[in-house]
Amino acid sequence: MTELSPWQALLQQLDTQRPASLLYCSQTDQTALQQWCDHHDCQFTHIHTPDELEGLGRFDCVVIADWLEHTSAEEGMQSVARIRNLHTHAIWLLIPGHSQQPNLNLIGLGFQRLHAFIKDEDARTALECYGYNLDRYNHKREWNTPRFWANPENWGKYWW
């Protein structure tokens, strides 16, 4: 079995998710992604800088690649947090490099490290993929129900 490239893995994920709208945040074009959107009747929007986020609505999925390395770390994390909070519930993020330790800033934003794509031993050809999906972010806990709270019979009846 051959190892998938980052873009093949993304397209496979998109085939599963089937978004109706996709925002691509990158300074480079990705014709395969645009062709996938054209073929699957998905609205495709491409922005090059974080400043272009102003005025954009919500998207079913956002792909961020070749974008964070052109901003400061603080500005990059603020942009990712803004996208997560205002523009989508599912993000696919590619960052260069490979480390044994996950990126704690992204983990703190609720991302999970999904893949590490390493072409060879050279760190310049390695990519890490992080994903965020609000639907899978916070699992339902049995104890977090009115049944386990004080006076559950009053749940939803009174406002304090």
Foldseek 3Di string as FASTA:
>chain_A
DDDDDPVRVVLVVCVVQVWQEEEEEAQDDDVVVVVSCVVSNHHYHYDDALVVCPPDAATAEYEYDHYLVVDDVVVSLVSVLCCCPGHYQKYKYKDAFDDPDDDVSVVVSQKDWDDWDDPDPDSRRIITIIMGHNVPRDDDDPCPDLVNDPPSVCPPPDDD
